[in-house]
Amino acid sequence: MKIARRYGISPAQRGGASGQSCPDILRLENGGYLVIGKTPGVPNLSARDLAKHGASIGPDEQAVVVSADVIHGAALEIAKEQR
């Protein structure tokens, strides 16, 4: 798996102290996306709450929380690519 590009601005441009901290959204060469964020923790995210919204987390998956500014910045660039 190789990274093709970053979406949005870098953590350093968003004011990350080390310039290397998450969150981030990257496009993979295979067309998928790599989302880097903080794990919400079991007490804050229940399977029951996910199920109410038709969602679940499989045994080979992990949920992360990514801030709105990262998602919005990436979404604008992704939308431009789709045109």
PDB file of N, CA and C in Angstrom:
ATOM      1  N   MET A   1       0.847  -1.170   0.000  1.00  0.00           N
ATOM      2  CA  MET A   1       0.000   0.000   0.000  1.00  0.00           C
ATOM      3  C   MET A   1       0.893   1.235   0.000  1.00  0.00           C
ATOM      4  N   LYS A   2       0.655   2.136  -0.955  1.00  0.00           N
ATOM      5  CA  LYS A   2       1.453   3.356  -1.048  1.00  0.00           C
ATOM      6  C   LYS A   2       0.534   4.572  -1.081  1.00  0.00           C
ATOM      7  N   ILE A   3       1.034   5.665  -0.557  1.00  0.00           N
ATOM      8  CA  ILE A   3       0.271   6.912  -0.517  1.00  0.00           C
ATOM      9  C   ILE A   3       0.480   7.678  -1.818  1.00  0.00           C
ATOM     10  N   ALA A   4      -0.620   8.114  -2.416  1.00  0.00           N
ATOM     11  CA  ALA A   4      -0.564   8.881  -3.647  1.00  0.00           C
ATOM     12  C   ALA A   4      -0.532  10.384  -3.374  1.00  0.00           C
ATOM     13  N   ARG A   5      -1.298  10.842  -2.335  1.00  0.00           N
ATOM     14  CA  ARG A   5      -1.339  12.282  -2.046  1.00  0.00           C
ATOM     15  C   ARG A   5      -2.036  12.562  -0.730  1.00  0.00           C
ATOM     16  N   ARG A   6      -1.881  13.766  -0.249  1.00  0.00           N
ATOM     17  CA  ARG A   6      -2.553  14.262   0.941  1.00  0.00           C
ATOM     18  C   ARG A   6      -3.721  15.145   0.495  1.00  0.00           C
ATOM     19  N   TYR A   7      -4.787  15.141   1.279  1.00  0.00           N
ATOM     20  CA  TYR A   7      -5.907  16.057   1.038  1.00  0.00           C
ATOM     21  C   TYR A   7      -5.946  17.094   2.145  1.00  0.00           C
ATOM     22  N   GLY A   8      -6.280  18.310   1.787  1.00  0.00           N
ATOM     23  CA  GLY A   8      -6.351  19.378   2.776  1.00  0.00           C
ATOM     24  C   GLY A   8      -4.954  19.847   3.149  1.00  0.00           C
ATOM     25  N   ILE A   9      -4.883  20.649   4.211  1.00  0.00           N
ATOM     26  CA  ILE A   9      -3.597  21.175   4.631  1.00  0.00           C
ATOM     27  C   ILE A   9      -2.961  20.240   5.656  1.00  0.00           C
ATOM     28  N   SER A  10      -1.668  20.352   5.793  1.00  0.00           N
ATOM     29  CA  SER A  10      -0.933  19.452   6.684  1.00  0.00           C
ATOM     30  C   SER A  10      -1.165  19.811   8.151  1.00  0.00           C
ATOM     31  N   PRO A  11      -0.879  18.874   9.059  1.00  0.00           N
ATOM     32  CA  PRO A  11      -0.992  19.186  10.476  1.00  0.00           C
ATOM     33  C   PRO A  11      -0.160  20.409  10.874  1.00  0.00           C
ATOM     34  N   ALA A  12       1.031  20.567  10.283  1.00  0.00           N
ATOM     35  CA  ALA A  12       1.871  21.731  10.597  1.00  0.00           C
ATOM     36  C   ALA A  12       1.175  23.027  10.180  1.00  0.00           C
ATOM     37  N   GLN A  13       0.512  23.022   9.022  1.00  0.00           N
ATOM     38  CA  GLN A  13      -0.204  24.207   8.553  1.00  0.00           C
ATOM     39  C   GLN A  13      -1.422  24.512   9.418  1.00  0.00           C
ATOM     40  N   ARG A  14      -1.968  23.476  10.090  1.00  0.00           N
ATOM     41  CA  ARG A  14      -3.106  23.678  10.995  1.00  0.00           C
ATOM     42  C   ARG A  14      -2.651  24.048  12.391  1.00  0.00           C
ATOM     43  N   GLY A  15      -1.343  24.157  12.617  1.00  0.00           N
ATOM     44  CA  GLY A  15      -0.836  24.569  13.911  1.00  0.00           C
ATOM     45  C   GLY A  15      -0.430  23.441  14.834  1.00  0.00           C
ATOM     46  N   GLY A  16      -0.273  22.227  14.292  1.00  0.00           N
ATOM     47  CA  GLY A  16       0.180  21.103  15.113  1.00  0.00           C
ATOM     48  C   GLY A  16       1.553  21.398  15.687  1.00  0.00           C
ATOM     49  N   ALA A  17       1.714  21.189  16.978  1.00  0.00           N
ATOM     50  CA  ALA A  17       2.963  21.539  17.661  1.00  0.00           C
ATOM     51  C   ALA A  17       4.178  20.876  17.027  1.00  0.00           C
ATOM     52  N   SER A  18       4.072  19.583  16.735  1.00  0.00           N
ATOM     53  CA  SER A  18       5.214  18.872  16.170  1.00  0.00           C
ATOM     54  C   SER A  18       5.217  18.933  14.643  1.00  0.00           C
ATOM     55  N   GLY A  19       4.081  19.347  14.075  1.00  0.00           N
ATOM     56  CA  GLY A  19       3.974  19.342  12.620  1.00  0.00           C
ATOM     57  C   GLY A  19       3.742  17.966  12.048  1.00  0.00           C
ATOM     58  N   GLN A  20       3.625  16.966  12.928  1.00  0.00           N
ATOM     59  CA  GLN A  20       3.465  15.602  12.461  1.00  0.00           C
ATOM     60  C   GLN A  20       2.245  14.922  13.057  1.00  0.00           C
ATOM     61  N   SER A  21       1.488  15.612  13.894  1.00  0.00           N
ATOM     62  CA  SER A  21       0.373  14.963  14.583  1.00  0.00           C
ATOM     63  C   SER A  21      -0.862  14.902  13.704  1.00  0.00           C
ATOM     64  N   CYS A  22      -1.720  13.937  14.004  1.00  0.00           N
ATOM     65  CA  CYS A  22      -2.949  13.746  13.268  1.00  0.00           C
ATOM     66  C   CYS A  22      -3.934  14.845  13.636  1.00  0.00           C
ATOM     67  N   PRO A  23      -5.062  14.956  13.001  1.00  0.00           N
ATOM     68  CA  PRO A  23      -5.622  14.046  12.008  1.00  0.00           C
ATOM     69  C   PRO A  23      -5.147  14.373  10.597  1.00  0.00           C
ATOM     70  N   ASP A  24      -5.422  13.457   9.702  1.00  0.00           N
ATOM     71  CA  ASP A  24      -5.018  13.633   8.312  1.00  0.00           C
ATOM     72  C   ASP A  24      -5.838  12.707   7.425  1.00  0.00           C
ATOM     73  N   ILE A  25      -5.937  13.063   6.139  1.00  0.00           N
ATOM     74  CA  ILE A  25      -6.597  12.216   5.138  1.00  0.00           C
ATOM     75  C   ILE A  25      -5.666  12.105   3.948  1.00  0.00           C
ATOM     76  N   LEU A  26      -5.357  10.861   3.580  1.00  0.00           N
ATOM     77  CA  LEU A  26      -4.442  10.598   2.484  1.00  0.00           C
ATOM     78  C   LEU A  26      -5.113   9.670   1.475  1.00  0.00           C
ATOM     79  N   ARG A  27      -4.801   9.877   0.203  1.00  0.00           N
ATOM     80  CA  ARG A  27      -5.311   9.010  -0.864  1.00  0.00           C
ATOM     81  C   ARG A  27      -4.273   7.944  -1.143  1.00  0.00           C
ATOM     82  N   LEU A  28      -4.711   6.712  -1.252  1.00  0.00           N
ATOM     83  CA  LEU A  28      -3.808   5.603  -1.549  1.00  0.00           C
ATOM     84  C   LEU A  28      -3.756   5.353  -3.048  1.00  0.00           C
ATOM     85  N   GLU A  29      -2.679   4.771  -3.515  1.00  0.00           N
ATOM     86  CA  GLU A  29      -2.537   4.482  -4.947  1.00  0.00           C
ATOM     87  C   GLU A  29      -3.616   3.544  -5.454  1.00  0.00           C
ATOM     88  N   ASN A  30      -4.191   2.713  -4.568  1.00  0.00           N
ATOM     89  CA  ASN A  30      -5.239   1.788  -4.997  1.00  0.00           C
ATOM     90  C   ASN A  30      -6.615   2.447  -5.048  1.00  0.00           C
ATOM     91  N   GLY A  31      -6.675   3.771  -4.795  1.00  0.00           N
ATOM     92  CA  GLY A  31      -7.938   4.507  -4.860  1.00  0.00           C
ATOM     93  C   GLY A  31      -8.628   4.666  -3.522  1.00  0.00           C
ATOM     94  N   GLY A  32      -8.178   3.964  -2.507  1.00  0.00           N
ATOM     95  CA  GLY A  32      -8.775   4.085  -1.172  1.00  0.00           C
ATOM     96  C   GLY A  32      -8.230   5.293  -0.431  1.00  0.00           C
ATOM     97  N   TYR A  33      -8.729   5.490   0.764  1.00  0.00           N
ATOM     98  CA  TYR A  33      -8.317   6.608   1.608  1.00  0.00           C
ATOM     99  C   TYR A  33      -7.778   6.088   2.930  1.00  0.00           C
ATOM    100  N   LEU A  34      -6.756   6.733   3.436  1.00  0.00           N
ATOM    101  CA  LEU A  34      -6.226   6.460   4.761  1.00  0.00           C
ATOM    102  C   LEU A  34      -6.591   7.656   5.628  1.00  0.00           C
ATOM    103  N   VAL A  35      -7.364   7.411   6.670  1.00  0.00           N
ATOM    104  CA  VAL A  35      -7.786   8.472   7.584  1.00  0.00           C
ATOM    105  C   VAL A  35      -7.054   8.262   8.898  1.00  0.00           C
ATOM    106  N   ILE A  36      -6.329   9.275   9.334  1.00  0.00           N
ATOM    107  CA  ILE A  36      -5.604   9.218  10.597  1.00  0.00           C
ATOM    108  C   ILE A  36      -6.329  10.116  11.590  1.00  0.00           C
ATOM    109  N   GLY A  37      -6.670   9.566  12.743  1.00  0.00           N
ATOM    110  CA  GLY A  37      -7.369  10.339  13.760  1.00  0.00           C
ATOM    111  C   GLY A  37      -7.189   9.704  15.118  1.00  0.00           C
ATOM    112  N   LYS A  38      -7.950  10.195  16.075  1.00  0.00           N
ATOM    113  CA  LYS A  38      -7.885   9.669  17.437  1.00  0.00           C
ATOM    114  C   LYS A  38      -8.977   8.627  17.625  1.00  0.00           C
ATOM    115  N   THR A  39      -8.650   7.520  18.287  1.00  0.00           N
ATOM    116  CA  THR A  39      -9.672   6.525  18.582  1.00  0.00           C
ATOM    117  C   THR A  39     -10.579   7.085  19.670  1.00  0.00           C
ATOM    118  N   PRO A  40     -11.894   6.969  19.492  1.00  0.00           N
ATOM    119  CA  PRO A  40     -12.829   7.593  20.420  1.00  0.00           C
ATOM    120  C   PRO A  40     -12.941   6.893  21.759  1.00  0.00           C
ATOM    121  N   GLY A  41     -12.515   5.661  21.855  1.00  0.00           N
ATOM    122  CA  GLY A  41     -12.609   4.923  23.113  1.00  0.00           C
ATOM    123  C   GLY A  41     -13.956   4.246  23.258  1.00  0.00           C
ATOM    124  N   VAL A  42     -13.959   3.091  23.836  1.00  0.00           N
ATOM    125  CA  VAL A  42     -15.169   2.289  23.984  1.00  0.00           C
ATOM    126  C   VAL A  42     -16.278   3.016  24.752  1.00  0.00           C
ATOM    127  N   PRO A  43     -15.985   3.723  25.875  1.00  0.00           N
ATOM    128  CA  PRO A  43     -17.086   4.366  26.611  1.00  0.00           C
ATOM    129  C   PRO A  43     -17.830   5.422  25.798  1.00  0.00           C
ATOM    130  N   ASN A  44     -17.142   6.032  24.820  1.00  0.00           N
ATOM    131  CA  ASN A  44     -17.754   7.111  24.041  1.00  0.00           C
ATOM    132  C   ASN A  44     -18.447   6.645  22.769  1.00  0.00           C
ATOM    133  N   LEU A  45     -18.262   5.400  22.388  1.00  0.00           N
ATOM    134  CA  LEU A  45     -18.812   4.903  21.139  1.00  0.00           C
ATOM    135  C   LEU A  45     -19.311   3.482  21.360  1.00  0.00           C
ATOM    136  N   SER A  46     -20.618   3.315  21.413  1.00  0.00           N
ATOM    137  CA  SER A  46     -21.156   1.984  21.684  1.00  0.00           C
ATOM    138  C   SER A  46     -21.657   1.315  20.410  1.00  0.00           C
ATOM    139  N   ALA A  47     -21.614  -0.005  20.406  1.00  0.00           N
ATOM    140  CA  ALA A  47     -22.130  -0.771  19.277  1.00  0.00           C
ATOM    141  C   ALA A  47     -23.613  -0.507  19.091  1.00  0.00           C
ATOM    142  N   ARG A  48     -24.329  -0.322  20.172  1.00  0.00           N
ATOM    143  CA  ARG A  48     -25.771  -0.045  20.105  1.00  0.00           C
ATOM    144  C   ARG A  48     -26.027   1.287  19.396  1.00  0.00           C
ATOM    145  N   ASP A  49     -25.248   2.310  19.740  1.00  0.00           N
ATOM    146  CA  ASP A  49     -25.423   3.612  19.091  1.00  0.00           C
ATOM    147  C   ASP A  49     -25.097   3.522  17.603  1.00  0.00           C
ATOM    148  N   LEU A  50     -24.041   2.801  17.260  1.00  0.00           N
ATOM    149  CA  LEU A  50     -23.704   2.602  15.850  1.00  0.00           C
ATOM    150  C   LEU A  50     -24.839   1.896  15.116  1.00  0.00           C
ATOM    151  N   ALA A  51     -25.375   0.844  15.724  1.00  0.00           N
ATOM    152  CA  ALA A  51     -26.435   0.052  15.096  1.00  0.00           C
ATOM    153  C   ALA A  51     -27.684   0.896  14.842  1.00  0.00           C
ATOM    154  N   LYS A  52     -27.985   1.830  15.722  1.00  0.00           N
ATOM    155  CA  LYS A  52     -29.144   2.717  15.525  1.00  0.00           C
ATOM    156  C   LYS A  52     -29.029   3.503  14.227  1.00  0.00           C
ATOM    157  N   HIS A  53     -27.796   3.706  13.777  1.00  0.00           N
ATOM    158  CA  HIS A  53     -27.556   4.480  12.552  1.00  0.00           C
ATOM    159  C   HIS A  53     -27.169   3.580  11.380  1.00  0.00           C
ATOM    160  N   GLY A  54     -27.385   2.272  11.540  1.00  0.00           N
ATOM    161  CA  GLY A  54     -27.093   1.325  10.465  1.00  0.00           C
ATOM    162  C   GLY A  54     -25.610   1.098  10.245  1.00  0.00           C
ATOM    163  N   ALA A  55     -24.790   1.322  11.278  1.00  0.00           N
ATOM    164  CA  ALA A  55     -23.337   1.184  11.145  1.00  0.00           C
ATOM    165  C   ALA A  55     -22.809   0.150  12.133  1.00  0.00           C
ATOM    166  N   SER A  56     -21.633  -0.353  11.844  1.00  0.00           N
ATOM    167  CA  SER A  56     -20.937  -1.254  12.763  1.00  0.00           C
ATOM    168  C   SER A  56     -19.450  -1.185  12.450  1.00  0.00           C
ATOM    169  N   ILE A  57     -18.651  -1.694  13.374  1.00  0.00           N
ATOM    170  CA  ILE A  57     -17.199  -1.743  13.180  1.00  0.00           C
ATOM    171  C   ILE A  57     -16.802  -3.209  13.185  1.00  0.00           C
ATOM    172  N   GLY A  58     -16.286  -3.679  12.050  1.00  0.00           N
ATOM    173  CA  GLY A  58     -15.893  -5.073  11.913  1.00  0.00           C
ATOM    174  C   GLY A  58     -14.632  -5.381  12.697  1.00  0.00           C
ATOM    175  N   PRO A  59     -14.334  -6.667  12.868  1.00  0.00           N
ATOM    176  CA  PRO A  59     -13.160  -7.066  13.638  1.00  0.00           C
ATOM    177  C   PRO A  59     -11.841  -6.592  13.033  1.00  0.00           C
ATOM    178  N   ASP A  60     -11.828  -6.333  11.734  1.00  0.00           N
ATOM    179  CA  ASP A  60     -10.608  -5.853  11.086  1.00  0.00           C
ATOM    180  C   ASP A  60     -10.645  -4.347  10.828  1.00  0.00           C
ATOM    181  N   GLU A  61     -11.578  -3.631  11.479  1.00  0.00           N
ATOM    182  CA  GLU A  61     -11.736  -2.191  11.290  1.00  0.00           C
ATOM    183  C   GLU A  61     -11.515  -1.450  12.602  1.00  0.00           C
ATOM    184  N   GLN A  62     -11.292  -0.150  12.484  1.00  0.00           N
ATOM    185  CA  GLN A  62     -11.137   0.690  13.659  1.00  0.00           C
ATOM    186  C   GLN A  62     -11.740   2.054  13.347  1.00  0.00           C
ATOM    187  N   ALA A  63     -12.450   2.612  14.304  1.00  0.00           N
ATOM    188  CA  ALA A  63     -13.040   3.941  14.136  1.00  0.00           C
ATOM    189  C   ALA A  63     -12.060   4.985  14.634  1.00  0.00           C
ATOM    190  N   VAL A  64     -12.007   6.105  13.940  1.00  0.00           N
ATOM    191  CA  VAL A  64     -11.204   7.242  14.388  1.00  0.00           C
ATOM    192  C   VAL A  64     -12.058   8.499  14.318  1.00  0.00           C
ATOM    193  N   VAL A  65     -11.695   9.497  15.097  1.00  0.00           N
ATOM    194  CA  VAL A  65     -12.379  10.783  15.077  1.00  0.00           C
ATOM    195  C   VAL A  65     -11.454  11.776  14.390  1.00  0.00           C
ATOM    196  N   VAL A  66     -11.989  12.470  13.376  1.00  0.00           N
ATOM    197  CA  VAL A  66     -11.238  13.471  12.627  1.00  0.00           C
ATOM    198  C   VAL A  66     -12.011  14.781  12.711  1.00  0.00           C
ATOM    199  N   SER A  67     -11.322  15.864  12.983  1.00  0.00           N
ATOM    200  CA  SER A  67     -11.993  17.146  13.161  1.00  0.00           C
ATOM    201  C   SER A  67     -12.647  17.639  11.872  1.00  0.00           C
ATOM    202  N   ALA A  68     -13.652  18.474  12.031  1.00  0.00           N
ATOM    203  CA  ALA A  68     -14.426  18.977  10.896  1.00  0.00           C
ATOM    204  C   ALA A  68     -13.555  19.750   9.908  1.00  0.00           C
ATOM    205  N   ASP A  69     -12.589  20.529  10.389  1.00  0.00           N
ATOM    206  CA  ASP A  69     -11.767  21.309   9.464  1.00  0.00           C
ATOM    207  C   ASP A  69     -10.956  20.411   8.526  1.00  0.00           C
ATOM    208  N   VAL A  70     -10.533  19.264   9.018  1.00  0.00           N
ATOM    209  CA  VAL A  70      -9.791  18.320   8.176  1.00  0.00           C
ATOM    210  C   VAL A  70     -10.719  17.706   7.135  1.00  0.00           C
ATOM    211  N   ILE A  71     -11.891  17.262   7.556  1.00  0.00           N
ATOM    212  CA  ILE A  71     -12.870  16.676   6.626  1.00  0.00           C
ATOM    213  C   ILE A  71     -13.291  17.692   5.571  1.00  0.00           C
ATOM    214  N   HIS A  72     -13.598  18.909   5.976  1.00  0.00           N
ATOM    215  CA  HIS A  72     -14.055  19.932   5.027  1.00  0.00           C
ATOM    216  C   HIS A  72     -12.973  20.270   4.002  1.00  0.00           C
ATOM    217  N   GLY A  73     -11.747  20.431   4.472  1.00  0.00           N
ATOM    218  CA  GLY A  73     -10.648  20.721   3.551  1.00  0.00           C
ATOM    219  C   GLY A  73     -10.423  19.601   2.553  1.00  0.00           C
ATOM    220  N   ALA A  74     -10.477  18.373   3.028  1.00  0.00           N
ATOM    221  CA  ALA A  74     -10.296  17.227   2.137  1.00  0.00           C
ATOM    222  C   ALA A  74     -11.466  17.083   1.179  1.00  0.00           C
ATOM    223  N   ALA A  75     -12.680  17.288   1.671  1.00  0.00           N
ATOM    224  CA  ALA A  75     -13.873  17.124   0.829  1.00  0.00           C
ATOM    225  C   ALA A  75     -13.854  18.075  -0.358  1.00  0.00           C
ATOM    226  N   LEU A  76     -13.408  19.299  -0.141  1.00  0.00           N
ATOM    227  CA  LEU A  76     -13.336  20.260  -1.245  1.00  0.00           C
ATOM    228  C   LEU A  76     -12.392  19.772  -2.338  1.00  0.00           C
ATOM    229  N   GLU A  77     -11.235  19.258  -1.940  1.00  0.00           N
ATOM    230  CA  GLU A  77     -10.278  18.760  -2.924  1.00  0.00           C
ATOM    231  C   GLU A  77     -10.778  17.489  -3.604  1.00  0.00           C
ATOM    232  N   ILE A  78     -11.393  16.585  -2.839  1.00  0.00           N
ATOM    233  CA  ILE A  78     -11.918  15.346  -3.420  1.00  0.00           C
ATOM    234  C   ILE A  78     -13.007  15.660  -4.428  1.00  0.00           C
ATOM    235  N   ALA A  79     -13.902  16.596  -4.097  1.00  0.00           N
ATOM    236  CA  ALA A  79     -14.982  16.981  -5.010  1.00  0.00           C
ATOM    237  C   ALA A  79     -14.417  17.553  -6.323  1.00  0.00           C
ATOM    238  N   LYS A  80     -13.359  18.337  -6.243  1.00  0.00           N
ATOM    239  CA  LYS A  80     -12.741  18.889  -7.452  1.00  0.00           C
ATOM    240  C   LYS A  80     -12.190  17.793  -8.348  1.00  0.00           C
ATOM    241  N   GLU A  81     -11.610  16.753  -7.742  1.00  0.00           N
ATOM    242  CA  GLU A  81     -11.071  15.642  -8.520  1.00  0.00           C
ATOM    243  C   GLU A  81     -12.138  14.840  -9.242  1.00  0.00           C
ATOM    244  N   GLN A  82     -13.312  14.785  -8.686  1.00  0.00           N
ATOM    245  CA  GLN A  82     -14.399  13.976  -9.250  1.00  0.00           C
ATOM    246  C   GLN A  82     -15.042  14.618 -10.459  1.00  0.00           C
ATOM    247  N   ARG A  83     -14.724  15.852 -10.736  1.00  0.00           N
ATOM    248  CA  ARG A  83     -15.341  16.559 -11.885  1.00  0.00           C
ATOM    249  C   ARG A  83     -14.619  16.305 -13.165  1.00  0.00           C
TER     250      ARG A  83
END
